């Protein structure tokens, strides 16, 4: 079971809030973390951007979604459906 950490981020281009699914166990460049940015369409379906890396400073600048937060289950379901695998929600790298 792979670990995932969720963060809430503001996209200044679209002027909307979205989420980062961070994968602390995936390899990434030094000082970076692997992420998959995503958000939800008005109809409730998840829309994912390409898998990428962000700097740790940017990662920590965004608000963490605690694993017991009710929205964490919705985010985990969306990421599991997208990647077709099981994830365990964590809070620390």
N, C-alpha and C. Protein backbone atom coordinates (compact mmCIF):
# COMPACT_ATOMS: atom_id res chain seq x y z
N UNK A 1 0.85 -1.17 0.00
CA UNK A 1 0.00 0.00 0.00
C UNK A 1 0.90 1.24 0.00
N UNK A 2 0.68 2.10 -0.96
CA UNK A 2 1.50 3.30 -1.09
C UNK A 2 0.94 4.42 -0.20
N UNK A 3 1.86 5.27 0.28
CA UNK A 3 1.45 6.41 1.11
C UNK A 3 1.14 7.62 0.24
N UNK A 4 0.17 8.42 0.68
CA UNK A 4 -0.17 9.67 0.01
C UNK A 4 -0.45 10.73 1.07
N UNK A 5 -0.04 11.95 0.79
CA UNK A 5 -0.29 13.08 1.67
C UNK A 5 -1.03 14.13 0.85
N UNK A 6 -2.12 14.65 1.39
CA UNK A 6 -2.91 15.64 0.66
C UNK A 6 -2.64 17.04 1.20
N UNK A 7 -2.51 17.99 0.27
CA UNK A 7 -2.36 19.39 0.60
C UNK A 7 -3.34 20.19 -0.25
N UNK A 8 -3.84 21.29 0.31
CA UNK A 8 -4.75 22.17 -0.42
C UNK A 8 -3.91 23.31 -0.98
N UNK A 9 -4.08 23.61 -2.29
CA UNK A 9 -3.29 24.67 -2.91
C UNK A 9 -4.20 25.62 -3.69
N UNK A 10 -3.75 26.86 -3.80
CA UNK A 10 -4.46 27.87 -4.59
C UNK A 10 -3.77 28.03 -5.93
N UNK A 11 -4.52 27.92 -7.01
CA UNK A 11 -3.98 28.08 -8.36
C UNK A 11 -4.25 29.52 -8.81
N UNK A 12 -3.20 30.36 -8.89
CA UNK A 12 -3.42 31.76 -9.27
C UNK A 12 -3.85 31.93 -10.72
N UNK A 13 -3.57 30.96 -11.57
CA UNK A 13 -3.97 31.05 -12.98
C UNK A 13 -5.48 30.89 -13.12
N UNK A 14 -6.02 29.83 -12.52
CA UNK A 14 -7.46 29.59 -12.60
C UNK A 14 -8.24 30.29 -11.50
N UNK A 15 -7.50 30.87 -10.54
CA UNK A 15 -8.11 31.54 -9.38
C UNK A 15 -9.08 30.62 -8.64
N UNK A 16 -8.60 29.40 -8.40
CA UNK A 16 -9.43 28.42 -7.69
C UNK A 16 -8.55 27.55 -6.79
N UNK A 17 -9.20 26.89 -5.86
CA UNK A 17 -8.50 25.99 -4.94
C UNK A 17 -8.49 24.59 -5.53
N UNK A 18 -7.40 23.89 -5.29
CA UNK A 18 -7.26 22.52 -5.73
C UNK A 18 -6.47 21.74 -4.70
N UNK A 19 -6.01 20.58 -5.07
CA UNK A 19 -5.30 19.70 -4.14
C UNK A 19 -4.02 19.17 -4.76
N UNK A 20 -3.09 18.83 -3.90
CA UNK A 20 -1.88 18.13 -4.28
C UNK A 20 -1.92 16.77 -3.60
N UNK A 21 -1.74 15.73 -4.37
CA UNK A 21 -1.55 14.39 -3.81
C UNK A 21 -0.05 14.17 -3.85
N UNK A 22 0.61 14.14 -2.70
CA UNK A 22 2.06 13.98 -2.63
C UNK A 22 2.39 12.53 -2.32
N UNK A 23 3.42 12.02 -3.00
CA UNK A 23 3.83 10.63 -2.86
C UNK A 23 5.23 10.57 -2.26
N UNK A 24 5.35 10.51 -0.95
CA UNK A 24 6.66 10.57 -0.29
C UNK A 24 7.56 9.38 -0.58
N UNK A 25 7.02 8.25 -1.01
CA UNK A 25 7.83 7.06 -1.28
C UNK A 25 8.36 7.01 -2.71
N UNK A 26 7.87 7.89 -3.59
CA UNK A 26 8.35 7.92 -4.97
C UNK A 26 9.66 8.70 -5.04
N UNK A 27 10.53 8.28 -5.95
CA UNK A 27 11.80 8.98 -6.13
C UNK A 27 11.55 10.34 -6.76
N UNK A 28 12.32 11.32 -6.29
CA UNK A 28 12.24 12.66 -6.85
C UNK A 28 13.59 13.34 -6.67
N UNK A 29 13.76 14.46 -7.32
CA UNK A 29 15.00 15.20 -7.23
C UNK A 29 15.22 15.70 -5.80
N UNK A 30 16.46 15.91 -5.44
CA UNK A 30 16.80 16.41 -4.10
C UNK A 30 16.08 17.74 -3.85
N UNK A 31 15.41 17.84 -2.71
CA UNK A 31 14.69 19.06 -2.36
C UNK A 31 13.31 19.15 -2.99
N UNK A 32 12.84 18.04 -3.57
CA UNK A 32 11.53 18.02 -4.22
C UNK A 32 10.72 16.83 -3.72
N UNK A 33 9.45 16.85 -4.05
CA UNK A 33 8.57 15.72 -3.73
C UNK A 33 7.66 15.49 -4.94
N UNK A 34 7.38 14.22 -5.23
CA UNK A 34 6.51 13.85 -6.34
C UNK A 34 5.05 14.14 -5.98
N UNK A 35 4.33 14.78 -6.89
CA UNK A 35 2.93 15.14 -6.64
C UNK A 35 2.08 14.94 -7.88
N UNK A 36 0.80 14.90 -7.65
CA UNK A 36 -0.19 14.89 -8.72
C UNK A 36 -1.24 15.94 -8.36
N UNK A 37 -1.21 17.11 -9.00
CA UNK A 37 -2.21 18.14 -8.71
C UNK A 37 -3.57 17.73 -9.29
N UNK A 38 -4.63 18.04 -8.57
CA UNK A 38 -5.97 17.73 -9.08
C UNK A 38 -7.01 18.60 -8.40
N UNK A 39 -8.17 18.58 -9.00
CA UNK A 39 -9.30 19.33 -8.47
C UNK A 39 -10.59 18.62 -8.88
N UNK A 40 -11.70 19.23 -8.55
CA UNK A 40 -12.99 18.63 -8.87
C UNK A 40 -13.80 19.56 -9.77
N UNK A 41 -14.40 18.98 -10.79
CA UNK A 41 -15.29 19.72 -11.69
C UNK A 41 -16.59 20.00 -10.94
N UNK A 42 -17.41 20.92 -11.45
CA UNK A 42 -18.70 21.20 -10.79
C UNK A 42 -19.59 19.96 -10.63
N UNK A 43 -19.44 18.98 -11.53
CA UNK A 43 -20.27 17.77 -11.40
C UNK A 43 -19.71 16.77 -10.38
N UNK A 44 -18.56 17.10 -9.77
CA UNK A 44 -17.99 16.26 -8.72
C UNK A 44 -16.93 15.28 -9.18
N UNK A 45 -16.66 15.19 -10.47
CA UNK A 45 -15.63 14.28 -10.95
C UNK A 45 -14.25 14.92 -10.81
N UNK A 46 -13.27 14.10 -10.51
CA UNK A 46 -11.90 14.59 -10.30
C UNK A 46 -11.23 14.83 -11.65
N UNK A 47 -10.43 15.88 -11.69
CA UNK A 47 -9.68 16.24 -12.90
C UNK A 47 -8.21 16.37 -12.50
N UNK A 48 -7.35 15.52 -13.06
CA UNK A 48 -5.95 15.46 -12.68
C UNK A 48 -5.05 16.15 -13.68
N UNK A 49 -4.04 16.83 -13.15
CA UNK A 49 -2.97 17.38 -13.97
C UNK A 49 -1.87 16.33 -14.04
N UNK A 50 -0.87 16.49 -14.91
CA UNK A 50 0.20 15.51 -15.01
C UNK A 50 1.00 15.34 -13.71
N UNK A 51 1.43 14.12 -13.47
CA UNK A 51 2.31 13.78 -12.35
C UNK A 51 3.59 14.59 -12.51
N UNK A 52 4.06 15.21 -11.44
CA UNK A 52 5.22 16.09 -11.52
C UNK A 52 5.93 16.15 -10.18
N UNK A 53 6.86 17.07 -10.04
CA UNK A 53 7.55 17.32 -8.77
C UNK A 53 7.38 18.79 -8.42
N UNK A 54 7.35 19.06 -7.10
CA UNK A 54 7.37 20.44 -6.62
C UNK A 54 8.45 20.54 -5.56
N UNK A 55 8.94 21.75 -5.35
CA UNK A 55 9.96 21.95 -4.33
C UNK A 55 9.34 21.72 -2.95
N UNK A 56 10.16 21.32 -2.01
CA UNK A 56 9.66 21.12 -0.65
C UNK A 56 9.17 22.42 -0.04
N UNK A 57 9.80 23.55 -0.41
CA UNK A 57 9.34 24.84 0.13
C UNK A 57 7.91 25.14 -0.34
N UNK A 58 7.60 24.83 -1.60
CA UNK A 58 6.24 25.03 -2.10
C UNK A 58 5.28 24.04 -1.43
N UNK A 59 5.71 22.82 -1.30
CA UNK A 59 4.90 21.78 -0.66
C UNK A 59 4.49 22.19 0.75
N UNK A 60 5.46 22.66 1.54
CA UNK A 60 5.16 23.02 2.93
C UNK A 60 4.38 24.33 3.04
N UNK A 61 4.37 25.13 1.97
CA UNK A 61 3.63 26.39 1.99
C UNK A 61 2.12 26.15 1.92
N UNK A 62 1.72 25.01 1.39
CA UNK A 62 0.30 24.69 1.23
C UNK A 62 -0.26 24.01 2.48
N UNK A 63 -1.57 24.17 2.66
CA UNK A 63 -2.24 23.67 3.87
C UNK A 63 -2.43 22.16 3.81
N UNK A 64 -2.04 21.47 4.88
CA UNK A 64 -2.19 20.01 4.94
C UNK A 64 -3.65 19.64 5.19
N UNK A 65 -4.05 18.54 4.58
CA UNK A 65 -5.37 17.94 4.84
C UNK A 65 -5.10 16.78 5.80
N UNK A 66 -5.57 16.88 7.02
CA UNK A 66 -5.36 15.84 8.02
C UNK A 66 -6.05 14.55 7.62
N UNK A 67 -5.47 13.43 7.99
CA UNK A 67 -6.01 12.13 7.55
C UNK A 67 -7.40 11.84 8.13
N UNK A 68 -7.76 12.46 9.24
CA UNK A 68 -9.09 12.25 9.83
C UNK A 68 -10.11 13.29 9.37
N UNK A 69 -9.68 14.22 8.54
CA UNK A 69 -10.57 15.23 7.98
C UNK A 69 -11.56 14.52 7.04
N UNK A 70 -12.84 14.85 7.10
CA UNK A 70 -13.82 14.17 6.25
C UNK A 70 -13.50 14.26 4.74
N UNK A 71 -12.88 15.34 4.29
CA UNK A 71 -12.56 15.48 2.87
C UNK A 71 -11.43 14.52 2.45
N UNK A 72 -10.63 14.04 3.38
CA UNK A 72 -9.53 13.12 3.06
C UNK A 72 -10.04 11.83 2.42
N UNK A 73 -11.18 11.34 2.85
CA UNK A 73 -11.75 10.12 2.26
C UNK A 73 -12.16 10.35 0.81
N UNK A 74 -12.72 11.52 0.53
CA UNK A 74 -13.11 11.86 -0.85
C UNK A 74 -11.87 11.96 -1.73
N UNK A 75 -10.81 12.59 -1.22
CA UNK A 75 -9.57 12.74 -1.97
C UNK A 75 -8.92 11.38 -2.22
N UNK A 76 -8.91 10.54 -1.19
CA UNK A 76 -8.31 9.21 -1.33
C UNK A 76 -9.08 8.38 -2.36
N UNK A 77 -10.40 8.44 -2.33
CA UNK A 77 -11.20 7.71 -3.30
C UNK A 77 -10.91 8.18 -4.73
N UNK A 78 -10.74 9.49 -4.91
CA UNK A 78 -10.44 10.03 -6.24
C UNK A 78 -9.08 9.57 -6.73
N UNK A 79 -8.08 9.60 -5.87
CA UNK A 79 -6.72 9.21 -6.28
C UNK A 79 -6.64 7.70 -6.51
N UNK A 80 -7.35 6.91 -5.72
CA UNK A 80 -7.37 5.46 -5.92
C UNK A 80 -8.06 5.10 -7.23
N UNK A 81 -9.12 5.80 -7.56
CA UNK A 81 -9.81 5.56 -8.81
C UNK A 81 -8.92 5.94 -10.00
N UNK A 82 -8.19 7.03 -9.87
CA UNK A 82 -7.32 7.51 -10.96
C UNK A 82 -6.14 6.58 -11.20
N UNK A 83 -5.47 6.15 -10.13
CA UNK A 83 -4.27 5.32 -10.26
C UNK A 83 -4.55 3.82 -10.16
N UNK A 84 -5.77 3.45 -9.85
CA UNK A 84 -6.17 2.03 -9.76
C UNK A 84 -5.29 1.23 -8.79
N UNK A 85 -5.02 1.84 -7.64
CA UNK A 85 -4.26 1.18 -6.58
C UNK A 85 -4.74 1.70 -5.24
N UNK A 86 -4.32 1.06 -4.16
CA UNK A 86 -4.75 1.44 -2.81
C UNK A 86 -3.71 2.36 -2.18
N UNK A 87 -4.19 3.41 -1.52
CA UNK A 87 -3.31 4.36 -0.84
C UNK A 87 -3.68 4.46 0.62
N UNK A 88 -2.68 4.75 1.44
CA UNK A 88 -2.87 5.02 2.87
C UNK A 88 -2.57 6.49 3.08
N UNK A 89 -3.54 7.22 3.64
CA UNK A 89 -3.38 8.67 3.86
C UNK A 89 -2.47 8.89 5.06
N UNK A 90 -1.43 9.69 4.87
CA UNK A 90 -0.47 10.02 5.93
C UNK A 90 -0.39 11.54 6.06
N UNK A 91 0.37 11.99 7.05
CA UNK A 91 0.52 13.42 7.26
C UNK A 91 1.99 13.86 7.22
N UNK A 92 2.92 12.93 7.34
CA UNK A 92 4.34 13.29 7.38
C UNK A 92 5.11 12.60 6.28
N UNK A 93 6.13 13.29 5.81
CA UNK A 93 7.02 12.71 4.80
C UNK A 93 7.84 11.64 5.45
